[in-house]
């Protein structure tokens, strides 16, 4: 009977360690997803600048043409007719960005501010606006890379050690 009890304890301890490690691993992965989203958004901005410079479509269509990667599917809104202004449609789209990308409040605010001014000025004004925000997003990307360097291993290690500590206390 004691052998069965010991085996159950060991299995429970192993499951506790594995689950806490997977939480740490998941938190670490969220840092990488944020970085990937920001990289995709910078590519989106570059593509948008090119399309604005050489294409005469409306802003809805231009944004939709440029949002061709998985991370930016929320900005594919040209297929529906819009009665609302672009800024409002953009804001609604930003709110649908999945939480899985682990964007910070600063990231989300920057995306909202970026879209708020699109389509409101002439081509030169929009290109300057895009260049300015590209620099802002590059700073956010640098911050995301720094967070990965500092926190990625920490999350995994803390998950493992927290699970191990809890398993030892359980024993």
N, C-alpha and C. Protein backbone atom coordinates (compact mmCIF):
# COMPACT_ATOMS: atom_id res chain seq x y z
N UNK A 1 0.81 -1.19 0.00
CA UNK A 1 0.00 0.00 0.00
C UNK A 1 0.86 1.27 0.00
N UNK A 2 1.94 1.23 0.80
CA UNK A 2 2.83 2.39 0.84
C UNK A 2 3.55 2.59 -0.48
N UNK A 3 3.83 1.50 -1.19
CA UNK A 3 4.50 1.59 -2.48
C UNK A 3 3.60 2.30 -3.48
N UNK A 4 2.34 1.97 -3.49
CA UNK A 4 1.38 2.61 -4.39
C UNK A 4 1.27 4.09 -4.04
N UNK A 5 1.21 4.40 -2.75
CA UNK A 5 1.13 5.79 -2.31
C UNK A 5 2.36 6.57 -2.75
N UNK A 6 3.55 5.95 -2.64
CA UNK A 6 4.79 6.60 -3.06
C UNK A 6 4.81 6.82 -4.58
N UNK A 7 4.34 5.84 -5.34
CA UNK A 7 4.29 5.98 -6.80
C UNK A 7 3.34 7.11 -7.20
N UNK A 8 2.20 7.19 -6.55
CA UNK A 8 1.24 8.26 -6.84
C UNK A 8 1.86 9.62 -6.52
N UNK A 9 2.60 9.70 -5.40
CA UNK A 9 3.26 10.96 -5.05
C UNK A 9 4.31 11.34 -6.10
N UNK A 10 5.09 10.36 -6.54
CA UNK A 10 6.12 10.64 -7.54
C UNK A 10 5.51 11.07 -8.87
N UNK A 11 4.44 10.41 -9.27
CA UNK A 11 3.76 10.81 -10.51
C UNK A 11 3.19 12.21 -10.37
N UNK A 12 2.58 12.51 -9.24
CA UNK A 12 2.05 13.85 -8.98
C UNK A 12 3.14 14.90 -9.00
N UNK A 13 4.28 14.58 -8.39
CA UNK A 13 5.40 15.52 -8.37
C UNK A 13 5.92 15.77 -9.79
N UNK A 14 6.03 14.69 -10.57
CA UNK A 14 6.51 14.84 -11.96
C UNK A 14 5.53 15.68 -12.78
N UNK A 15 4.25 15.44 -12.59
CA UNK A 15 3.24 16.23 -13.32
C UNK A 15 3.27 17.70 -12.89
N UNK A 16 3.48 17.94 -11.62
CA UNK A 16 3.56 19.32 -11.12
C UNK A 16 4.77 20.04 -11.72
N UNK A 17 5.90 19.37 -11.75
CA UNK A 17 7.10 19.96 -12.33
C UNK A 17 6.89 20.22 -13.82
N UNK A 18 6.34 19.25 -14.52
CA UNK A 18 6.11 19.40 -15.96
C UNK A 18 5.13 20.53 -16.26
N UNK A 19 4.08 20.63 -15.47
CA UNK A 19 3.09 21.69 -15.74
C UNK A 19 3.65 23.07 -15.44
N UNK A 20 4.41 23.21 -14.37
CA UNK A 20 4.97 24.54 -14.08
C UNK A 20 6.05 24.91 -15.10
N UNK A 21 6.81 23.91 -15.56
CA UNK A 21 7.79 24.20 -16.62
C UNK A 21 7.07 24.63 -17.89
N UNK A 22 5.96 23.98 -18.22
CA UNK A 22 5.24 24.35 -19.45
C UNK A 22 4.64 25.75 -19.34
N UNK A 23 4.26 26.18 -18.14
CA UNK A 23 3.79 27.56 -17.96
C UNK A 23 4.94 28.53 -18.23
N UNK A 24 6.11 28.24 -17.69
CA UNK A 24 7.29 29.08 -17.94
C UNK A 24 7.66 29.10 -19.41
N UNK A 25 7.58 27.94 -20.05
CA UNK A 25 7.89 27.85 -21.48
C UNK A 25 6.88 28.66 -22.30
N UNK A 26 5.62 28.59 -21.91
CA UNK A 26 4.58 29.34 -22.61
C UNK A 26 4.81 30.85 -22.46
N UNK A 27 5.19 31.28 -21.28
CA UNK A 27 5.48 32.71 -21.08
C UNK A 27 6.68 33.14 -21.92
N UNK A 28 7.66 32.27 -22.03
CA UNK A 28 8.82 32.55 -22.86
C UNK A 28 8.43 32.67 -24.33
N UNK A 29 7.57 31.77 -24.78
CA UNK A 29 7.12 31.80 -26.18
C UNK A 29 6.35 33.08 -26.49
N UNK A 30 5.62 33.61 -25.52
CA UNK A 30 4.86 34.83 -25.77
C UNK A 30 5.79 36.00 -26.09
N UNK A 31 6.99 35.99 -25.51
CA UNK A 31 7.96 37.04 -25.84
C UNK A 31 8.37 36.95 -27.32
N UNK A 32 8.53 35.73 -27.82
CA UNK A 32 8.90 35.52 -29.22
C UNK A 32 7.74 35.88 -30.15
N UNK A 33 6.51 35.60 -29.73
CA UNK A 33 5.35 35.95 -30.56
C UNK A 33 5.21 37.46 -30.70
N UNK A 34 5.47 38.18 -29.61
CA UNK A 34 5.42 39.65 -29.67
C UNK A 34 6.46 40.17 -30.66
N UNK A 35 7.67 39.62 -30.58
CA UNK A 35 8.74 40.04 -31.48
C UNK A 35 8.34 39.77 -32.94
N UNK A 36 7.78 38.60 -33.21
CA UNK A 36 7.37 38.26 -34.57
C UNK A 36 6.27 39.19 -35.08
N UNK A 37 5.32 39.53 -34.20
CA UNK A 37 4.26 40.45 -34.60
C UNK A 37 4.85 41.80 -34.97
N UNK A 38 5.74 42.32 -34.15
CA UNK A 38 6.33 43.63 -34.42
C UNK A 38 7.15 43.61 -35.72
N UNK A 39 7.88 42.52 -35.97
CA UNK A 39 8.62 42.40 -37.23
C UNK A 39 7.65 42.43 -38.42
N UNK A 40 6.57 41.68 -38.30
CA UNK A 40 5.57 41.65 -39.37
C UNK A 40 4.94 43.02 -39.58
N UNK A 41 4.73 43.74 -38.49
CA UNK A 41 4.11 45.06 -38.60
C UNK A 41 5.06 46.04 -39.29
N UNK A 42 6.34 45.93 -39.05
CA UNK A 42 7.31 46.80 -39.72
C UNK A 42 7.34 46.49 -41.22
N UNK A 43 7.27 45.22 -41.58
CA UNK A 43 7.20 44.84 -42.99
C UNK A 43 5.90 45.39 -43.60
N UNK A 44 4.82 45.31 -42.86
CA UNK A 44 3.53 45.85 -43.28
C UNK A 44 3.64 47.36 -43.55
N UNK A 45 4.30 48.07 -42.66
CA UNK A 45 4.47 49.52 -42.82
C UNK A 45 5.27 49.83 -44.09
N UNK A 46 6.35 49.07 -44.32
CA UNK A 46 7.14 49.28 -45.54
C UNK A 46 6.30 49.04 -46.79
N UNK A 47 5.55 47.96 -46.77
CA UNK A 47 4.69 47.64 -47.91
C UNK A 47 3.62 48.71 -48.12
N UNK A 48 3.07 49.19 -47.03
CA UNK A 48 2.05 50.25 -47.11
C UNK A 48 2.63 51.52 -47.72
N UNK A 49 3.83 51.87 -47.33
CA UNK A 49 4.48 53.06 -47.90
C UNK A 49 4.63 52.92 -49.41
N UNK A 50 5.06 51.75 -49.85
CA UNK A 50 5.21 51.51 -51.28
C UNK A 50 3.88 51.60 -52.00
N UNK A 51 2.85 50.98 -51.42
CA UNK A 51 1.53 51.01 -52.06
C UNK A 51 0.94 52.43 -52.08
N UNK A 52 1.16 53.18 -51.03
CA UNK A 52 0.65 54.56 -51.00
C UNK A 52 1.35 55.38 -52.07
N UNK A 53 2.62 55.17 -52.23
CA UNK A 53 3.40 55.95 -53.20
C UNK A 53 2.98 55.64 -54.63
N UNK A 54 2.68 54.38 -54.94
CA UNK A 54 2.47 54.00 -56.33
C UNK A 54 1.07 53.52 -56.67
N UNK A 55 0.15 53.55 -55.75
CA UNK A 55 -1.18 53.03 -55.99
C UNK A 55 -2.22 54.09 -55.65
N UNK A 56 -3.31 54.10 -56.36
CA UNK A 56 -4.33 55.13 -56.13
C UNK A 56 -5.58 54.62 -55.43
N UNK A 57 -5.53 53.39 -54.92
CA UNK A 57 -6.69 52.84 -54.21
C UNK A 57 -6.93 53.60 -52.91
N UNK A 58 -8.13 53.38 -52.34
CA UNK A 58 -8.44 54.01 -51.06
C UNK A 58 -7.66 53.31 -49.94
N UNK A 59 -7.63 53.94 -48.79
CA UNK A 59 -6.81 53.47 -47.68
C UNK A 59 -7.25 52.09 -47.18
N UNK A 60 -8.54 51.80 -47.24
CA UNK A 60 -9.03 50.48 -46.82
C UNK A 60 -8.38 49.38 -47.65
N UNK A 61 -8.40 49.58 -48.94
CA UNK A 61 -7.86 48.58 -49.86
C UNK A 61 -6.34 48.47 -49.74
N UNK A 62 -5.67 49.60 -49.58
CA UNK A 62 -4.21 49.57 -49.46
C UNK A 62 -3.78 48.81 -48.21
N UNK A 63 -4.44 49.07 -47.10
CA UNK A 63 -4.10 48.38 -45.86
C UNK A 63 -4.35 46.88 -46.01
N UNK A 64 -5.45 46.54 -46.60
CA UNK A 64 -5.79 45.13 -46.78
C UNK A 64 -4.80 44.41 -47.69
N UNK A 65 -4.33 45.08 -48.73
CA UNK A 65 -3.36 44.47 -49.63
C UNK A 65 -2.03 44.20 -48.92
N UNK A 66 -1.71 45.03 -47.97
CA UNK A 66 -0.41 44.91 -47.29
C UNK A 66 -0.43 43.93 -46.12
N UNK A 67 -1.60 43.57 -45.66
CA UNK A 67 -1.70 42.71 -44.47
C UNK A 67 -1.85 41.25 -44.87
N UNK A 68 -0.83 40.75 -45.55
CA UNK A 68 -0.94 39.41 -46.11
C UNK A 68 -0.24 38.33 -45.27
N UNK A 69 0.21 38.63 -44.07
CA UNK A 69 0.81 37.59 -43.24
C UNK A 69 -0.16 37.20 -42.13
N UNK A 70 0.09 36.08 -41.52
CA UNK A 70 -0.82 35.52 -40.52
C UNK A 70 -1.05 36.48 -39.34
N UNK A 71 -0.01 37.15 -38.89
CA UNK A 71 -0.13 38.04 -37.74
C UNK A 71 -1.06 39.22 -37.99
N UNK A 72 -1.20 39.62 -39.25
CA UNK A 72 -1.95 40.83 -39.57
C UNK A 72 -3.28 40.57 -40.27
N UNK A 73 -3.82 39.39 -40.13
CA UNK A 73 -5.09 39.05 -40.76
C UNK A 73 -6.23 39.96 -40.27
N UNK A 74 -6.09 40.51 -39.09
CA UNK A 74 -7.15 41.38 -38.55
C UNK A 74 -7.30 42.67 -39.35
N UNK A 75 -6.34 43.00 -40.20
CA UNK A 75 -6.42 44.22 -40.99
C UNK A 75 -6.92 43.98 -42.42
N UNK A 76 -7.39 42.79 -42.71
CA UNK A 76 -7.94 42.50 -44.03
C UNK A 76 -9.43 42.84 -44.04
N UNK A 77 -9.74 44.10 -44.21
CA UNK A 77 -11.14 44.52 -44.11
C UNK A 77 -11.66 45.21 -45.37
N UNK A 78 -10.98 45.06 -46.50
CA UNK A 78 -11.45 45.78 -47.69
C UNK A 78 -12.63 45.10 -48.38
N UNK A 79 -12.86 43.84 -48.10
CA UNK A 79 -13.92 43.13 -48.83
C UNK A 79 -15.31 43.59 -48.41
N UNK A 80 -15.42 44.21 -47.26
CA UNK A 80 -16.73 44.69 -46.80
C UNK A 80 -16.87 46.18 -47.12
N UNK A 81 -18.05 46.61 -47.51
CA UNK A 81 -18.25 48.05 -47.70
C UNK A 81 -18.26 48.73 -46.32
N UNK A 82 -17.67 49.91 -46.27
CA UNK A 82 -17.55 50.60 -44.98
C UNK A 82 -18.30 51.92 -45.01
N UNK A 83 -19.11 52.10 -44.01
CA UNK A 83 -19.80 53.37 -43.84
C UNK A 83 -19.13 54.18 -42.75
N UNK A 84 -18.27 53.53 -41.98
CA UNK A 84 -17.56 54.20 -40.90
C UNK A 84 -16.23 54.75 -41.42
N UNK A 85 -15.70 55.76 -40.74
CA UNK A 85 -14.39 56.28 -41.16
C UNK A 85 -13.29 55.25 -40.90
N UNK A 86 -12.19 55.42 -41.62
CA UNK A 86 -11.08 54.47 -41.53
C UNK A 86 -10.58 54.32 -40.09
N UNK A 87 -10.45 55.43 -39.40
CA UNK A 87 -9.90 55.40 -38.04
C UNK A 87 -10.72 54.48 -37.12
N UNK A 88 -12.03 54.54 -37.25
CA UNK A 88 -12.89 53.70 -36.42
C UNK A 88 -12.76 52.22 -36.79
N UNK A 89 -12.70 51.93 -38.07
CA UNK A 89 -12.54 50.55 -38.53
C UNK A 89 -11.17 50.02 -38.08
N UNK A 90 -10.15 50.86 -38.17
CA UNK A 90 -8.80 50.48 -37.74
C UNK A 90 -8.81 50.16 -36.24
N UNK A 91 -9.42 51.01 -35.43
CA UNK A 91 -9.46 50.79 -33.99
C UNK A 91 -10.15 49.47 -33.65
N UNK A 92 -11.24 49.19 -34.33
CA UNK A 92 -11.93 47.92 -34.10
C UNK A 92 -11.04 46.74 -34.47
N UNK A 93 -10.29 46.89 -35.56
CA UNK A 93 -9.40 45.81 -35.99
C UNK A 93 -8.27 45.58 -35.00
N UNK A 94 -7.75 46.67 -34.47
CA UNK A 94 -6.66 46.55 -33.49
C UNK A 94 -7.15 45.79 -32.25
N UNK A 95 -8.38 46.02 -31.87
CA UNK A 95 -8.92 45.33 -30.69
C UNK A 95 -9.10 43.84 -30.93
N UNK A 96 -9.07 43.39 -32.19
CA UNK A 96 -9.21 41.96 -32.47
C UNK A 96 -7.88 41.24 -32.59
N UNK A 97 -6.77 41.94 -32.36
CA UNK A 97 -5.46 41.28 -32.39
C UNK A 97 -5.45 40.25 -31.25
N UNK A 98 -5.14 39.01 -31.56
CA UNK A 98 -5.17 37.97 -30.52
C UNK A 98 -4.21 38.26 -29.36
N UNK A 99 -4.64 37.90 -28.18
CA UNK A 99 -3.79 38.07 -26.99
C UNK A 99 -2.54 37.22 -27.05
N UNK A 100 -2.58 36.20 -27.88
CA UNK A 100 -1.43 35.29 -28.00
C UNK A 100 -0.16 36.03 -28.40
N UNK A 101 -0.30 37.18 -29.04
CA UNK A 101 0.89 37.94 -29.45
C UNK A 101 1.50 38.72 -28.29
N UNK A 102 0.84 38.74 -27.17
CA UNK A 102 1.37 39.35 -25.94
C UNK A 102 1.86 40.77 -26.15
N UNK A 103 1.11 41.56 -26.90
CA UNK A 103 1.49 42.95 -27.11
C UNK A 103 1.31 43.74 -25.82
N UNK A 104 2.22 44.67 -25.60
CA UNK A 104 2.10 45.52 -24.43
C UNK A 104 1.10 46.64 -24.72
N UNK A 105 0.71 47.34 -23.68
CA UNK A 105 -0.20 48.48 -23.85
C UNK A 105 0.45 49.52 -24.76
N UNK A 106 1.75 49.71 -24.62
CA UNK A 106 2.48 50.66 -25.47
C UNK A 106 2.43 50.24 -26.93
N UNK A 107 2.54 48.94 -27.19
CA UNK A 107 2.45 48.44 -28.57
C UNK A 107 1.07 48.74 -29.15
N UNK A 108 0.05 48.40 -28.40
CA UNK A 108 -1.33 48.60 -28.87
C UNK A 108 -1.63 50.08 -29.08
N UNK A 109 -1.20 50.91 -28.15
CA UNK A 109 -1.42 52.36 -28.29
C UNK A 109 -0.72 52.90 -29.53
N UNK A 110 0.48 52.41 -29.78
CA UNK A 110 1.24 52.86 -30.95
C UNK A 110 0.54 52.44 -32.25
N UNK A 111 0.01 51.24 -32.27
CA UNK A 111 -0.72 50.77 -33.45
C UNK A 111 -1.98 51.60 -33.67
N UNK A 112 -2.67 51.91 -32.58
CA UNK A 112 -3.88 52.74 -32.68
C UNK A 112 -3.54 54.14 -33.20
N UNK A 113 -2.48 54.73 -32.67
CA UNK A 113 -2.07 56.07 -33.10
C UNK A 113 -1.63 56.07 -34.56
N UNK A 114 -0.95 55.00 -34.96
CA UNK A 114 -0.51 54.89 -36.35
C UNK A 114 -1.71 54.93 -37.30
N UNK A 115 -2.71 54.13 -37.02
CA UNK A 115 -3.88 54.05 -37.88
C UNK A 115 -4.77 55.27 -37.84
N UNK A 116 -4.70 56.01 -36.73
CA UNK A 116 -5.57 57.18 -36.57
C UNK A 116 -5.27 58.26 -37.61
N UNK A 117 -4.05 58.33 -38.10
CA UNK A 117 -3.67 59.39 -39.04
C UNK A 117 -3.55 58.93 -40.49
N UNK A 118 -3.72 57.63 -40.72
CA UNK A 118 -3.61 57.14 -42.10
C UNK A 118 -4.76 57.66 -42.95
N UNK A 119 -4.43 58.06 -44.14
CA UNK A 119 -5.44 58.50 -45.10
C UNK A 119 -5.96 59.91 -44.87
N UNK A 120 -5.36 60.65 -43.96
CA UNK A 120 -5.87 61.99 -43.65
C UNK A 120 -5.07 63.12 -44.31
N UNK A 121 -3.91 62.79 -44.86
CA UNK A 121 -3.08 63.82 -45.48
C UNK A 121 -2.75 63.42 -46.91
N UNK A 122 -1.97 64.26 -47.57
CA UNK A 122 -1.54 63.93 -48.92
C UNK A 122 -0.49 62.81 -48.87
N UNK A 123 -0.02 62.39 -50.02
CA UNK A 123 0.90 61.26 -50.09
C UNK A 123 2.19 61.54 -49.32
N UNK A 124 2.76 62.73 -49.48
CA UNK A 124 4.00 63.05 -48.77
C UNK A 124 3.79 63.03 -47.26
N UNK A 125 2.67 63.56 -46.82
CA UNK A 125 2.36 63.55 -45.38
C UNK A 125 2.22 62.14 -44.85
N UNK A 126 1.57 61.28 -45.61
CA UNK A 126 1.41 59.89 -45.16
C UNK A 126 2.75 59.16 -45.14
N UNK A 127 3.58 59.42 -46.12
CA UNK A 127 4.89 58.76 -46.15
C UNK A 127 5.75 59.21 -44.98
N UNK A 128 5.68 60.48 -44.62
CA UNK A 128 6.42 60.97 -43.44
C UNK A 128 5.86 60.34 -42.16
N UNK A 129 4.54 60.24 -42.10
CA UNK A 129 3.88 59.61 -40.96
C UNK A 129 4.34 58.15 -40.82
N UNK A 130 4.39 57.45 -41.93
CA UNK A 130 4.82 56.05 -41.91
C UNK A 130 6.27 55.92 -41.48
N UNK A 131 7.13 56.79 -41.97
CA UNK A 131 8.54 56.75 -41.60
C UNK A 131 8.71 57.00 -40.10
N UNK A 132 7.98 57.97 -39.58
CA UNK A 132 8.05 58.28 -38.15
C UNK A 132 7.64 57.07 -37.32
N UNK A 133 6.52 56.46 -37.67
CA UNK A 133 6.04 55.33 -36.90
C UNK A 133 6.88 54.07 -37.11
N UNK A 134 7.52 53.96 -38.25
CA UNK A 134 8.42 52.84 -38.45
C UNK A 134 9.56 52.90 -37.44
N UNK A 135 10.07 54.10 -37.21
CA UNK A 135 11.12 54.27 -36.20
C UNK A 135 10.61 53.91 -34.80
N UNK A 136 9.38 54.31 -34.49
CA UNK A 136 8.79 53.95 -33.20
C UNK A 136 8.67 52.44 -33.04
N UNK A 137 8.22 51.78 -34.11
CA UNK A 137 8.05 50.33 -34.04
C UNK A 137 9.39 49.60 -33.99
N UNK A 138 10.41 50.18 -34.59
CA UNK A 138 11.74 49.58 -34.47
C UNK A 138 12.23 49.64 -33.03
N UNK A 139 11.91 50.73 -32.33
CA UNK A 139 12.27 50.83 -30.91
C UNK A 139 11.52 49.77 -30.10
N UNK A 140 10.24 49.57 -30.43
CA UNK A 140 9.46 48.54 -29.74
C UNK A 140 10.05 47.15 -30.02
N UNK A 141 10.49 46.93 -31.25
CA UNK A 141 11.11 45.65 -31.61
C UNK A 141 12.41 45.45 -30.84
N UNK A 142 13.21 46.49 -30.72
CA UNK A 142 14.44 46.40 -29.94
C UNK A 142 14.12 46.06 -28.48
N UNK A 143 13.08 46.67 -27.96
CA UNK A 143 12.64 46.40 -26.59
C UNK A 143 12.20 44.94 -26.45
N UNK A 144 11.50 44.43 -27.45
CA UNK A 144 11.04 43.04 -27.42
C UNK A 144 12.23 42.09 -27.46
N UNK A 145 13.22 42.39 -28.28
CA UNK A 145 14.42 41.54 -28.34
C UNK A 145 15.19 41.58 -27.03
N UNK A 146 15.23 42.74 -26.41
CA UNK A 146 15.89 42.87 -25.10
C UNK A 146 15.14 42.06 -24.04
N UNK A 147 13.82 42.08 -24.10
CA UNK A 147 13.02 41.31 -23.15
C UNK A 147 13.26 39.81 -23.33
N UNK A 148 13.42 39.39 -24.58
CA UNK A 148 13.71 37.97 -24.84
C UNK A 148 15.05 37.60 -24.23
N UNK A 149 16.05 38.45 -24.44
CA UNK A 149 17.38 38.17 -23.92
C UNK A 149 17.39 38.09 -22.40
N UNK A 150 16.60 38.95 -21.76
CA UNK A 150 16.61 39.00 -20.30
C UNK A 150 15.66 37.99 -19.65
N UNK A 151 14.51 37.76 -20.26
CA UNK A 151 13.46 37.03 -19.55
C UNK A 151 13.18 35.62 -20.05
N UNK A 152 13.57 35.29 -21.26
CA UNK A 152 13.18 34.00 -21.83
C UNK A 152 13.67 32.82 -20.99
N UNK A 153 14.96 32.78 -20.73
CA UNK A 153 15.51 31.69 -19.91
C UNK A 153 15.00 31.77 -18.48
N UNK A 154 14.81 32.98 -18.00
CA UNK A 154 14.32 33.17 -16.64
C UNK A 154 12.95 32.52 -16.46
N UNK A 155 12.04 32.73 -17.41
CA UNK A 155 10.69 32.15 -17.30
C UNK A 155 10.75 30.63 -17.27
N UNK A 156 11.56 30.05 -18.15
CA UNK A 156 11.67 28.59 -18.19
C UNK A 156 12.27 28.06 -16.88
N UNK A 157 13.34 28.70 -16.43
CA UNK A 157 14.00 28.25 -15.21
C UNK A 157 13.11 28.42 -13.99
N UNK A 158 12.44 29.55 -13.91
CA UNK A 158 11.56 29.78 -12.77
C UNK A 158 10.41 28.78 -12.76
N UNK A 159 9.88 28.44 -13.92
CA UNK A 159 8.83 27.44 -13.99
C UNK A 159 9.31 26.10 -13.48
N UNK A 160 10.50 25.72 -13.90
CA UNK A 160 11.07 24.44 -13.47
C UNK A 160 11.33 24.44 -11.97
N UNK A 161 11.95 25.50 -11.47
CA UNK A 161 12.27 25.54 -10.04
C UNK A 161 11.03 25.69 -9.16
N UNK A 162 10.06 26.46 -9.61
CA UNK A 162 8.83 26.60 -8.82
C UNK A 162 8.11 25.26 -8.74
N UNK A 163 8.06 24.54 -9.85
CA UNK A 163 7.44 23.21 -9.84
C UNK A 163 8.20 22.24 -8.98
N UNK A 164 9.52 22.30 -9.04
CA UNK A 164 10.35 21.41 -8.21
C UNK A 164 10.17 21.71 -6.74
N UNK A 165 10.14 22.99 -6.40
CA UNK A 165 9.94 23.37 -5.00
C UNK A 165 8.57 22.91 -4.49
N UNK A 166 7.56 23.09 -5.29
CA UNK A 166 6.22 22.66 -4.89
C UNK A 166 6.17 21.14 -4.76
N UNK A 167 6.85 20.43 -5.67
CA UNK A 167 6.87 18.96 -5.60
C UNK A 167 7.60 18.49 -4.34
N UNK A 168 8.70 19.16 -4.01
CA UNK A 168 9.42 18.79 -2.79
C UNK A 168 8.57 19.04 -1.53
N UNK A 169 7.85 20.13 -1.55
CA UNK A 169 6.98 20.42 -0.39
C UNK A 169 5.86 19.40 -0.31
N UNK A 170 5.43 18.92 -1.45
CA UNK A 170 4.35 17.93 -1.46
C UNK A 170 4.83 16.60 -0.91
N UNK A 171 6.12 16.31 -1.11
CA UNK A 171 6.67 15.05 -0.63
C UNK A 171 6.78 15.13 0.87
